Amino acid sequence: MISAGSGVFTAADGLQHQSTLGADPDFHEDYCQLLDLTDVEKADLDSNRVRQLAQRTLFSPRSRRAILVNSALVTGLSRMFATFREFAGGQEQVRIFQDRDEAMRWLLES
């Protein structure tokens, strides 16, 4: 599954996307995800909002989630998300990539 953000990314965007996925009858918790944030120009969220995004469990322990980034800001926020996800008990694997092909190879290994 591929998700993408662009422009100004907000916590509301992330929460809306999570709600949309959770309500989609075609979504399965075992899916792997490529979250492409390379078109995000600005992130309008703080650590409390990142923690809020990380609290929700949508994916199973068998899932892999690759976050594709290309800026220092988005990389830092993605690392924060991965850490908060782990603290929240998330058991899916989350890795951050700067290369789309490498991210896709990792996702397809599962």
PDB file of N, CA and C in Angstrom:
ATOM      1  N   MET A   1       0.837  -1.145   0.000  1.00  0.00           N
ATOM      2  CA  MET A   1       0.000   0.000   0.000  1.00  0.00           C
ATOM      3  C   MET A   1       0.897   1.229   0.000  1.00  0.00           C
ATOM      4  N   ILE A   2       0.526   2.227  -0.780  1.00  0.00           N
ATOM      5  CA  ILE A   2       1.318   3.451  -0.856  1.00  0.00           C
ATOM      6  C   ILE A   2       0.475   4.617  -0.365  1.00  0.00           C
ATOM      7  N   SER A   3       1.029   5.349   0.591  1.00  0.00           N
ATOM      8  CA  SER A   3       0.425   6.583   1.091  1.00  0.00           C
ATOM      9  C   SER A   3       1.416   7.695   0.799  1.00  0.00           C
ATOM     10  N   ALA A   4       0.913   8.900   0.612  1.00  0.00           N
ATOM     11  CA  ALA A   4       1.808  10.009   0.300  1.00  0.00           C
ATOM     12  C   ALA A   4       1.306  11.290   0.927  1.00  0.00           C
ATOM     13  N   GLY A   5       2.259  12.149   1.275  1.00  0.00           N
ATOM     14  CA  GLY A   5       1.941  13.473   1.767  1.00  0.00           C
ATOM     15  C   GLY A   5       2.614  14.500   0.876  1.00  0.00           C
ATOM     16  N   SER A   6       2.045  15.714   0.840  1.00  0.00           N
ATOM     17  CA  SER A   6       2.657  16.765   0.038  1.00  0.00           C
ATOM     18  C   SER A   6       2.307  18.123   0.632  1.00  0.00           C
ATOM     19  N   GLY A   7       3.057  19.118   0.202  1.00  0.00           N
ATOM     20  CA  GLY A   7       2.794  20.477   0.674  1.00  0.00           C
ATOM     21  C   GLY A   7       3.056  20.612   2.156  1.00  0.00           C
ATOM     22  N   VAL A   8       2.087  21.179   2.867  1.00  0.00           N
ATOM     23  CA  VAL A   8       2.184  21.328   4.321  1.00  0.00           C
ATOM     24  C   VAL A   8       1.490  20.130   4.957  1.00  0.00           C
ATOM     25  N   PHE A   9       2.244  19.336   5.702  1.00  0.00           N
ATOM     26  CA  PHE A   9       1.698  18.144   6.366  1.00  0.00           C
ATOM     27  C   PHE A   9       1.359  18.506   7.801  1.00  0.00           C
ATOM     28  N   THR A  10       0.125  18.228   8.209  1.00  0.00           N
ATOM     29  CA  THR A  10      -0.330  18.533   9.559  1.00  0.00           C
ATOM     30  C   THR A  10      -0.753  17.255  10.284  1.00  0.00           C
ATOM     31  N   ALA A  11      -0.893  17.375  11.590  1.00  0.00           N
ATOM     32  CA  ALA A  11      -1.392  16.242  12.365  1.00  0.00           C
ATOM     33  C   ALA A  11      -2.791  15.864  11.902  1.00  0.00           C
ATOM     34  N   ALA A  12      -3.601  16.863  11.562  1.00  0.00           N
ATOM     35  CA  ALA A  12      -4.959  16.582  11.080  1.00  0.00           C
ATOM     36  C   ALA A  12      -4.925  15.739   9.807  1.00  0.00           C
ATOM     37  N   ASP A  13      -3.946  16.017   8.930  1.00  0.00           N
ATOM     38  CA  ASP A  13      -3.792  15.200   7.718  1.00  0.00           C
ATOM     39  C   ASP A  13      -3.517  13.747   8.088  1.00  0.00           C
ATOM     40  N   GLY A  14      -2.577  13.544   9.002  1.00  0.00           N
ATOM     41  CA  GLY A  14      -2.212  12.194   9.414  1.00  0.00           C
ATOM     42  C   GLY A  14      -3.355  11.468  10.086  1.00  0.00           C
ATOM     43  N   LEU A  15      -4.061  12.159  10.978  1.00  0.00           N
ATOM     44  CA  LEU A  15      -5.185  11.539  11.670  1.00  0.00           C
ATOM     45  C   LEU A  15      -6.311  11.196  10.697  1.00  0.00           C
ATOM     46  N   GLN A  16      -6.556  12.085   9.738  1.00  0.00           N
ATOM     47  CA  GLN A  16      -7.587  11.811   8.731  1.00  0.00           C
ATOM     48  C   GLN A  16      -7.219  10.588   7.892  1.00  0.00           C
ATOM     49  N   HIS A  17      -5.948  10.499   7.513  1.00  0.00           N
ATOM     50  CA  HIS A  17      -5.505   9.353   6.721  1.00  0.00           C
ATOM     51  C   HIS A  17      -5.668   8.057   7.522  1.00  0.00           C
ATOM     52  N   GLN A  18      -5.304   8.084   8.796  1.00  0.00           N
ATOM     53  CA  GLN A  18      -5.467   6.902   9.637  1.00  0.00           C
ATOM     54  C   GLN A  18      -6.943   6.498   9.721  1.00  0.00           C
ATOM     55  N   SER A  19      -7.821   7.472   9.886  1.00  0.00           N
ATOM     56  CA  SER A  19      -9.257   7.178   9.958  1.00  0.00           C
ATOM     57  C   SER A  19      -9.774   6.599   8.651  1.00  0.00           C
ATOM     58  N   THR A  20      -9.299   7.155   7.545  1.00  0.00           N
ATOM     59  CA  THR A  20      -9.704   6.655   6.234  1.00  0.00           C
ATOM     60  C   THR A  20      -9.266   5.210   6.052  1.00  0.00           C
ATOM     61  N   LEU A  21      -8.014   4.914   6.409  1.00  0.00           N
ATOM     62  CA  LEU A  21      -7.526   3.530   6.302  1.00  0.00           C
ATOM     63  C   LEU A  21      -8.340   2.593   7.185  1.00  0.00           C
ATOM     64  N   GLY A  22      -8.541   3.006   8.433  1.00  0.00           N
ATOM     65  CA  GLY A  22      -9.268   2.155   9.378  1.00  0.00           C
ATOM     66  C   GLY A  22     -10.693   1.856   8.947  1.00  0.00           C
ATOM     67  N   ALA A  23     -11.306   2.773   8.207  1.00  0.00           N
ATOM     68  CA  ALA A  23     -12.690   2.596   7.766  1.00  0.00           C
ATOM     69  C   ALA A  23     -12.801   1.901   6.412  1.00  0.00           C
ATOM     70  N   ASP A  24     -11.698   1.738   5.726  1.00  0.00           N
ATOM     71  CA  ASP A  24     -11.717   1.151   4.381  1.00  0.00           C
ATOM     72  C   ASP A  24     -11.871  -0.368   4.489  1.00  0.00           C
ATOM     73  N   PRO A  25     -12.941  -0.926   3.940  1.00  0.00           N
ATOM     74  CA  PRO A  25     -13.149  -2.377   4.036  1.00  0.00           C
ATOM     75  C   PRO A  25     -12.083  -3.178   3.275  1.00  0.00           C
ATOM     76  N   ASP A  26     -11.370  -2.543   2.362  1.00  0.00           N
ATOM     77  CA  ASP A  26     -10.322  -3.237   1.620  1.00  0.00           C
ATOM     78  C   ASP A  26      -8.974  -3.203   2.336  1.00  0.00           C
ATOM     79  N   PHE A  27      -8.871  -2.416   3.403  1.00  0.00           N
ATOM     80  CA  PHE A  27      -7.612  -2.354   4.158  1.00  0.00           C
ATOM     81  C   PHE A  27      -7.481  -3.597   5.026  1.00  0.00           C
ATOM     82  N   HIS A  28      -6.287  -4.162   5.048  1.00  0.00           N
ATOM     83  CA  HIS A  28      -6.007  -5.320   5.904  1.00  0.00           C
ATOM     84  C   HIS A  28      -4.799  -4.999   6.762  1.00  0.00           C
ATOM     85  N   GLU A  29      -4.872  -5.327   8.021  1.00  0.00           N
ATOM     86  CA  GLU A  29      -3.802  -4.976   8.967  1.00  0.00           C
ATOM     87  C   GLU A  29      -2.443  -5.598   8.626  1.00  0.00           C
ATOM     88  N   ASP A  30      -2.424  -6.626   7.812  1.00  0.00           N
ATOM     89  CA  ASP A  30      -1.153  -7.256   7.429  1.00  0.00           C
ATOM     90  C   ASP A  30      -0.469  -6.559   6.253  1.00  0.00           C
ATOM     91  N   TYR A  31      -1.128  -5.573   5.657  1.00  0.00           N
ATOM     92  CA  TYR A  31      -0.509  -4.849   4.552  1.00  0.00           C
ATOM     93  C   TYR A  31       0.792  -4.210   4.996  1.00  0.00           C
ATOM     94  N   CYS A  32       1.693  -4.059   4.042  1.00  0.00           N
ATOM     95  CA  CYS A  32       2.884  -3.250   4.238  1.00  0.00           C
ATOM     96  C   CYS A  32       2.591  -1.877   3.638  1.00  0.00           C
ATOM     97  N   GLN A  33       3.344  -0.879   4.089  1.00  0.00           N
ATOM     98  CA  GLN A  33       3.064   0.489   3.656  1.00  0.00           C
ATOM     99  C   GLN A  33       4.337   1.209   3.245  1.00  0.00           C
ATOM    100  N   LEU A  34       4.250   1.884   2.114  1.00  0.00           N
ATOM    101  CA  LEU A  34       5.260   2.868   1.742  1.00  0.00           C
ATOM    102  C   LEU A  34       4.613   4.222   1.992  1.00  0.00           C
ATOM    103  N   LEU A  35       5.166   4.974   2.923  1.00  0.00           N
ATOM    104  CA  LEU A  35       4.680   6.316   3.225  1.00  0.00           C
ATOM    105  C   LEU A  35       5.661   7.297   2.599  1.00  0.00           C
ATOM    106  N   ASP A  36       5.279   7.839   1.452  1.00  0.00           N
ATOM    107  CA  ASP A  36       6.145   8.725   0.671  1.00  0.00           C
ATOM    108  C   ASP A  36       5.926  10.173   1.105  1.00  0.00           C
ATOM    109  N   LEU A  37       6.911  10.718   1.803  1.00  0.00           N
ATOM    110  CA  LEU A  37       6.834  12.096   2.290  1.00  0.00           C
ATOM    111  C   LEU A  37       7.808  13.013   1.555  1.00  0.00           C
ATOM    112  N   THR A  38       8.245  12.592   0.389  1.00  0.00           N
ATOM    113  CA  THR A  38       9.252  13.376  -0.337  1.00  0.00           C
ATOM    114  C   THR A  38       8.699  14.679  -0.901  1.00  0.00           C
ATOM    115  N   ASP A  39       7.392  14.815  -1.019  1.00  0.00           N
ATOM    116  CA  ASP A  39       6.805  16.060  -1.515  1.00  0.00           C
ATOM    117  C   ASP A  39       6.299  16.965  -0.390  1.00  0.00           C
ATOM    118  N   VAL A  40       6.606  16.599   0.863  1.00  0.00           N
ATOM    119  CA  VAL A  40       6.235  17.456   1.990  1.00  0.00           C
ATOM    120  C   VAL A  40       7.225  18.612   2.044  1.00  0.00           C
ATOM    121  N   GLU A  41       6.694  19.815   1.951  1.00  0.00           N
ATOM    122  CA  GLU A  41       7.531  21.015   1.964  1.00  0.00           C
ATOM    123  C   GLU A  41       7.667  21.603   3.359  1.00  0.00           C
ATOM    124  N   LYS A  42       6.657  21.363   4.187  1.00  0.00           N
ATOM    125  CA  LYS A  42       6.654  21.870   5.560  1.00  0.00           C
ATOM    126  C   LYS A  42       5.829  20.929   6.415  1.00  0.00           C
ATOM    127  N   ALA A  43       6.266  20.711   7.636  1.00  0.00           N
ATOM    128  CA  ALA A  43       5.514  19.884   8.570  1.00  0.00           C
ATOM    129  C   ALA A  43       5.051  20.779   9.717  1.00  0.00           C
ATOM    130  N   ASP A  44       3.747  20.878   9.873  1.00  0.00           N
ATOM    131  CA  ASP A  44       3.165  21.717  10.901  1.00  0.00           C
ATOM    132  C   ASP A  44       2.643  20.835  12.029  1.00  0.00           C
ATOM    133  N   LEU A  45       3.576  20.277  12.803  1.00  0.00           N
ATOM    134  CA  LEU A  45       3.222  19.454  13.946  1.00  0.00           C
ATOM    135  C   LEU A  45       4.396  19.426  14.914  1.00  0.00           C
ATOM    136  N   ASP A  46       4.065  19.244  16.181  1.00  0.00           N
ATOM    137  CA  ASP A  46       5.092  19.190  17.216  1.00  0.00           C
ATOM    138  C   ASP A  46       5.180  17.766  17.760  1.00  0.00           C
ATOM    139  N   SER A  47       6.046  17.567  18.745  1.00  0.00           N
ATOM    140  CA  SER A  47       6.272  16.210  19.253  1.00  0.00           C
ATOM    141  C   SER A  47       5.011  15.605  19.866  1.00  0.00           C
ATOM    142  N   ASN A  48       4.155  16.417  20.496  1.00  0.00           N
ATOM    143  CA  ASN A  48       2.910  15.878  21.049  1.00  0.00           C
ATOM    144  C   ASN A  48       1.987  15.362  19.957  1.00  0.00           C
ATOM    145  N   ARG A  49       1.953  16.047  18.832  1.00  0.00           N
ATOM    146  CA  ARG A  49       1.125  15.603  17.711  1.00  0.00           C
ATOM    147  C   ARG A  49       1.711  14.350  17.055  1.00  0.00           C
ATOM    148  N   VAL A  50       3.036  14.286  16.965  1.00  0.00           N
ATOM    149  CA  VAL A  50       3.673  13.081  16.424  1.00  0.00           C
ATOM    150  C   VAL A  50       3.349  11.896  17.329  1.00  0.00           C
ATOM    151  N   ARG A  51       3.417  12.116  18.626  1.00  0.00           N
ATOM    152  CA  ARG A  51       3.076  11.056  19.593  1.00  0.00           C
ATOM    153  C   ARG A  51       1.619  10.625  19.392  1.00  0.00           C
ATOM    154  N   GLN A  52       0.718  11.575  19.189  1.00  0.00           N
ATOM    155  CA  GLN A  52      -0.692  11.262  18.960  1.00  0.00           C
ATOM    156  C   GLN A  52      -0.866  10.392  17.714  1.00  0.00           C
ATOM    157  N   LEU A  53      -0.161  10.724  16.643  1.00  0.00           N
ATOM    158  CA  LEU A  53      -0.225   9.919  15.421  1.00  0.00           C
ATOM    159  C   LEU A  53       0.297   8.507  15.654  1.00  0.00           C
ATOM    160  N   ALA A  54       1.292   8.379  16.518  1.00  0.00           N
ATOM    161  CA  ALA A  54       1.928   7.079  16.758  1.00  0.00           C
ATOM    162  C   ALA A  54       1.107   6.179  17.677  1.00  0.00           C
ATOM    163  N   GLN A  55       0.124   6.717  18.355  1.00  0.00           N
ATOM    164  CA  GLN A  55      -0.664   5.936  19.313  1.00  0.00           C
ATOM    165  C   GLN A  55      -1.594   4.928  18.651  1.00  0.00           C
ATOM    166  N   ARG A  56      -2.017   5.214  17.451  1.00  0.00           N
ATOM    167  CA  ARG A  56      -3.028   4.368  16.805  1.00  0.00           C
ATOM    168  C   ARG A  56      -2.392   3.165  16.127  1.00  0.00           C
ATOM    169  N   THR A  57      -2.919   1.998  16.427  1.00  0.00           N
ATOM    170  CA  THR A  57      -2.427   0.760  15.834  1.00  0.00           C
ATOM    171  C   THR A  57      -3.360   0.339  14.710  1.00  0.00           C
ATOM    172  N   LEU A  58      -2.830   0.370  13.490  1.00  0.00           N
ATOM    173  CA  LEU A  58      -3.582  -0.090  12.324  1.00  0.00           C
ATOM    174  C   LEU A  58      -2.953  -1.336  11.714  1.00  0.00           C
ATOM    175  N   PHE A  59      -1.641  -1.486  11.899  1.00  0.00           N
ATOM    176  CA  PHE A  59      -0.883  -2.539  11.227  1.00  0.00           C
ATOM    177  C   PHE A  59      -0.501  -3.641  12.208  1.00  0.00           C
ATOM    178  N   SER A  60      -0.406  -4.849  11.699  1.00  0.00           N
ATOM    179  CA  SER A  60      -0.076  -6.019  12.523  1.00  0.00           C
ATOM    180  C   SER A  60       1.439  -6.143  12.694  1.00  0.00           C
ATOM    181  N   PRO A  61       1.870  -7.013  13.596  1.00  0.00           N
ATOM    182  CA  PRO A  61       3.305  -7.255  13.767  1.00  0.00           C
ATOM    183  C   PRO A  61       3.976  -7.802  12.506  1.00  0.00           C
ATOM    184  N   ARG A  62       3.199  -8.348  11.572  1.00  0.00           N
ATOM    185  CA  ARG A  62       3.766  -8.878  10.325  1.00  0.00           C
ATOM    186  C   ARG A  62       4.006  -7.786   9.282  1.00  0.00           C
ATOM    187  N   SER A  63       3.506  -6.589   9.536  1.00  0.00           N
ATOM    188  CA  SER A  63       3.614  -5.495   8.575  1.00  0.00           C
ATOM    189  C   SER A  63       4.984  -4.827   8.619  1.00  0.00           C
ATOM    190  N   ARG A  64       5.347  -4.280   7.483  1.00  0.00           N
ATOM    191  CA  ARG A  64       6.524  -3.415   7.375  1.00  0.00           C
ATOM    192  C   ARG A  64       6.039  -2.060   6.886  1.00  0.00           C
ATOM    193  N   ARG A  65       6.621  -1.007   7.462  1.00  0.00           N
ATOM    194  CA  ARG A  65       6.261   0.348   7.057  1.00  0.00           C
ATOM    195  C   ARG A  65       7.533   1.099   6.721  1.00  0.00           C
ATOM    196  N   ALA A  66       7.657   1.472   5.467  1.00  0.00           N
ATOM    197  CA  ALA A  66       8.820   2.221   4.995  1.00  0.00           C
ATOM    198  C   ALA A  66       8.404   3.672   4.835  1.00  0.00           C
ATOM    199  N   ILE A  67       9.156   4.564   5.460  1.00  0.00           N
ATOM    200  CA  ILE A  67       8.882   5.994   5.339  1.00  0.00           C
ATOM    201  C   ILE A  67       9.960   6.584   4.443  1.00  0.00           C
ATOM    202  N   LEU A  68       9.536   7.147   3.324  1.00  0.00           N
ATOM    203  CA  LEU A  68      10.457   7.713   2.339  1.00  0.00           C
ATOM    204  C   LEU A  68      10.553   9.214   2.560  1.00  0.00           C
ATOM    205  N   VAL A  69      11.785   9.694   2.788  1.00  0.00           N
ATOM    206  CA  VAL A  69      12.015  11.096   3.137  1.00  0.00           C
ATOM    207  C   VAL A  69      13.108  11.694   2.262  1.00  0.00           C
ATOM    208  N   ASN A  70      13.161  13.036   2.234  1.00  0.00           N
ATOM    209  CA  ASN A  70      14.259  13.684   1.512  1.00  0.00           C
ATOM    210  C   ASN A  70      14.660  15.019   2.142  1.00  0.00           C
ATOM    211  N   SER A  71      14.283  15.219   3.407  1.00  0.00           N
ATOM    212  CA  SER A  71      14.714  16.430   4.111  1.00  0.00           C
ATOM    213  C   SER A  71      15.038  16.088   5.555  1.00  0.00           C
ATOM    214  N   ALA A  72      15.876  16.914   6.153  1.00  0.00           N
ATOM    215  CA  ALA A  72      16.277  16.680   7.542  1.00  0.00           C
ATOM    216  C   ALA A  72      15.079  16.778   8.484  1.00  0.00           C
ATOM    217  N   LEU A  73      14.196  17.748   8.251  1.00  0.00           N
ATOM    218  CA  LEU A  73      13.032  17.921   9.115  1.00  0.00           C
ATOM    219  C   LEU A  73      12.131  16.695   9.091  1.00  0.00           C
ATOM    220  N   VAL A  74      11.795  16.231   7.904  1.00  0.00           N
ATOM    221  CA  VAL A  74      10.899  15.077   7.785  1.00  0.00           C
ATOM    222  C   VAL A  74      11.586  13.811   8.297  1.00  0.00           C
ATOM    223  N   THR A  75      12.890  13.709   8.104  1.00  0.00           N
ATOM    224  CA  THR A  75      13.632  12.570   8.654  1.00  0.00           C
ATOM    225  C   THR A  75      13.526  12.558  10.168  1.00  0.00           C
ATOM    226  N   GLY A  76      13.743  13.711  10.795  1.00  0.00           N
ATOM    227  CA  GLY A  76      13.657  13.801  12.252  1.00  0.00           C
ATOM    228  C   GLY A  76      12.278  13.463  12.773  1.00  0.00           C
ATOM    229  N   LEU A  77      11.249  14.000  12.131  1.00  0.00           N
ATOM    230  CA  LEU A  77       9.884  13.699  12.549  1.00  0.00           C
ATOM    231  C   LEU A  77       9.546  12.224  12.346  1.00  0.00           C
ATOM    232  N   SER A  78      10.067  11.638  11.279  1.00  0.00           N
ATOM    233  CA  SER A  78       9.834  10.213  11.017  1.00  0.00           C
ATOM    234  C   SER A  78      10.513   9.343  12.065  1.00  0.00           C
ATOM    235  N   ARG A  79      11.708   9.718  12.456  1.00  0.00           N
ATOM    236  CA  ARG A  79      12.396   8.979  13.527  1.00  0.00           C
ATOM    237  C   ARG A  79      11.628   9.087  14.835  1.00  0.00           C
ATOM    238  N   MET A  80      11.125  10.294  15.112  1.00  0.00           N
ATOM    239  CA  MET A  80      10.331  10.500  16.314  1.00  0.00           C
ATOM    240  C   MET A  80       9.084   9.622  16.272  1.00  0.00           C
ATOM    241  N   PHE A  81       8.412   9.583  15.121  1.00  0.00           N
ATOM    242  CA  PHE A  81       7.225   8.744  14.959  1.00  0.00           C
ATOM    243  C   PHE A  81       7.566   7.281  15.228  1.00  0.00           C
ATOM    244  N   ALA A  82       8.661   6.788  14.639  1.00  0.00           N
ATOM    245  CA  ALA A  82       9.050   5.381  14.810  1.00  0.00           C
ATOM    246  C   ALA A  82       9.319   5.076  16.282  1.00  0.00           C
ATOM    247  N   THR A  83       9.961   6.000  16.976  1.00  0.00           N
ATOM    248  CA  THR A  83      10.255   5.802  18.398  1.00  0.00           C
ATOM    249  C   THR A  83       8.968   5.790  19.215  1.00  0.00           C
ATOM    250  N   PHE A  84       8.106   6.769  18.984  1.00  0.00           N
ATOM    251  CA  PHE A  84       6.830   6.815  19.706  1.00  0.00           C
ATOM    252  C   PHE A  84       5.975   5.604  19.381  1.00  0.00           C
ATOM    253  N   ARG A  85       6.043   5.130  18.145  1.00  0.00           N
ATOM    254  CA  ARG A  85       5.282   3.938  17.747  1.00  0.00           C
ATOM    255  C   ARG A  85       5.737   2.738  18.577  1.00  0.00           C
ATOM    256  N   GLU A  86       7.048   2.612  18.738  1.00  0.00           N
ATOM    257  CA  GLU A  86       7.583   1.512  19.549  1.00  0.00           C
ATOM    258  C   GLU A  86       7.143   1.647  21.004  1.00  0.00           C
ATOM    259  N   PHE A  87       7.221   2.859  21.563  1.00  0.00           N
ATOM    260  CA  PHE A  87       6.783   3.097  22.943  1.00  0.00           C
ATOM    261  C   PHE A  87       5.301   2.805  23.125  1.00  0.00           C
ATOM    262  N   ALA A  88       4.519   3.002  22.079  1.00  0.00           N
ATOM    263  CA  ALA A  88       3.077   2.760  22.139  1.00  0.00           C
ATOM    264  C   ALA A  88       2.740   1.275  21.987  1.00  0.00           C
ATOM    265  N   GLY A  89       3.758   0.444  21.826  1.00  0.00           N
ATOM    266  CA  GLY A  89       3.529  -0.993  21.711  1.00  0.00           C
ATOM    267  C   GLY A  89       3.397  -1.487  20.287  1.00  0.00           C
ATOM    268  N   GLY A  90       3.646  -0.621  19.332  1.00  0.00           N
ATOM    269  CA  GLY A  90       3.581  -1.035  17.933  1.00  0.00           C
ATOM    270  C   GLY A  90       4.615  -2.112  17.645  1.00  0.00           C
ATOM    271  N   GLN A  91       4.188  -3.170  17.018  1.00  0.00           N
ATOM    272  CA  GLN A  91       5.099  -4.281  16.749  1.00  0.00           C
ATOM    273  C   GLN A  91       5.461  -4.408  15.283  1.00  0.00           C
ATOM    274  N   GLU A  92       4.849  -3.591  14.422  1.00  0.00           N
ATOM    275  CA  GLU A  92       5.237  -3.612  13.015  1.00  0.00           C
ATOM    276  C   GLU A  92       6.639  -3.018  12.882  1.00  0.00           C
ATOM    277  N   GLN A  93       7.325  -3.397  11.824  1.00  0.00           N
ATOM    278  CA  GLN A  93       8.661  -2.861  11.571  1.00  0.00           C
ATOM    279  C   GLN A  93       8.524  -1.528  10.840  1.00  0.00           C
ATOM    280  N   VAL A  94       9.244  -0.519  11.324  1.00  0.00           N
ATOM    281  CA  VAL A  94       9.234   0.799  10.694  1.00  0.00           C
ATOM    282  C   VAL A  94      10.673   1.179  10.383  1.00  0.00           C
ATOM    283  N   ARG A  95      10.930   1.506   9.115  1.00  0.00           N
ATOM    284  CA  ARG A  95      12.263   1.964   8.715  1.00  0.00           C
ATOM    285  C   ARG A  95      12.137   3.194   7.841  1.00  0.00           C
ATOM    286  N   ILE A  96      13.164   4.019   7.896  1.00  0.00           N
ATOM    287  CA  ILE A  96      13.189   5.270   7.147  1.00  0.00           C
ATOM    288  C   ILE A  96      14.197   5.135   6.019  1.00  0.00           C
ATOM    289  N   PHE A  97      13.791   5.601   4.837  1.00  0.00           N
ATOM    290  CA  PHE A  97      14.628   5.474   3.640  1.00  0.00           C
ATOM    291  C   PHE A  97      14.699   6.801   2.906  1.00  0.00           C
ATOM    292  N   GLN A  98      15.795   6.980   2.191  1.00  0.00           N
ATOM    293  CA  GLN A  98      15.925   8.109   1.279  1.00  0.00           C
ATOM    294  C   GLN A  98      15.877   7.652  -0.175  1.00  0.00           C
ATOM    295  N   ASP A  99      15.898   6.353  -0.387  1.00  0.00           N
ATOM    296  CA  ASP A  99      15.891   5.788  -1.732  1.00  0.00           C
ATOM    297  C   ASP A  99      14.646   4.915  -1.907  1.00  0.00           C
ATOM    298  N   ARG A 100      13.802   5.274  -2.869  1.00  0.00           N
ATOM    299  CA  ARG A 100      12.539   4.556  -3.086  1.00  0.00           C
ATOM    300  C   ARG A 100      12.768   3.084  -3.457  1.00  0.00           C
ATOM    301  N   ASP A 101      13.730   2.810  -4.326  1.00  0.00           N
ATOM    302  CA  ASP A 101      13.985   1.427  -4.735  1.00  0.00           C
ATOM    303  C   ASP A 101      14.409   0.573  -3.543  1.00  0.00           C
ATOM    304  N   GLU A 102      15.251   1.130  -2.691  1.00  0.00           N
ATOM    305  CA  GLU A 102      15.687   0.402  -1.494  1.00  0.00           C
ATOM    306  C   GLU A 102      14.500   0.142  -0.569  1.00  0.00           C
ATOM    307  N   ALA A 103      13.639   1.142  -0.413  1.00  0.00           N
ATOM    308  CA  ALA A 103      12.449   0.970   0.426  1.00  0.00           C
ATOM    309  C   ALA A 103      11.541  -0.123  -0.125  1.00  0.00           C
ATOM    310  N   MET A 104      11.334  -0.121  -1.424  1.00  0.00           N
ATOM    311  CA  MET A 104      10.470  -1.133  -2.042  1.00  0.00           C
ATOM    312  C   MET A 104      11.061  -2.532  -1.916  1.00  0.00           C
ATOM    313  N   ARG A 105      12.381  -2.656  -2.101  1.00  0.00           N
ATOM    314  CA  ARG A 105      13.020  -3.969  -1.907  1.00  0.00           C
ATOM    315  C   ARG A 105      12.783  -4.488  -0.497  1.00  0.00           C
ATOM    316  N   TRP A 106      12.956  -3.600   0.492  1.00  0.00           N
ATOM    317  CA  TRP A 106      12.764  -4.003   1.888  1.00  0.00           C
ATOM    318  C   TRP A 106      11.331  -4.420   2.135  1.00  0.00           C
ATOM    319  N   LEU A 107      10.374  -3.663   1.609  1.00  0.00           N
ATOM    320  CA  LEU A 107       8.968  -4.006   1.792  1.00  0.00           C
ATOM    321  C   LEU A 107       8.634  -5.353   1.163  1.00  0.00           C
ATOM    322  N   LEU A 108       9.210  -5.635   0.023  1.00  0.00           N
ATOM    323  CA  LEU A 108       8.893  -6.879  -0.686  1.00  0.00           C
ATOM    324  C   LEU A 108       9.586  -8.098  -0.102  1.00  0.00           C
ATOM    325  N   GLU A 109      10.536  -7.901   0.796  1.00  0.00           N
ATOM    326  CA  GLU A 109      11.203  -9.030   1.467  1.00  0.00           C
ATOM    327  C   GLU A 109      10.257  -9.763   2.400  1.00  0.00           C
ATOM    328  N   SER A 110       9.236  -9.081   2.857  1.00  0.00           N
ATOM    329  CA  SER A 110       8.349  -9.690   3.874  1.00  0.00           C
ATOM    330  C   SER A 110       7.510 -10.806   3.313  1.00  0.00           C
TER     331      SER A 110
END
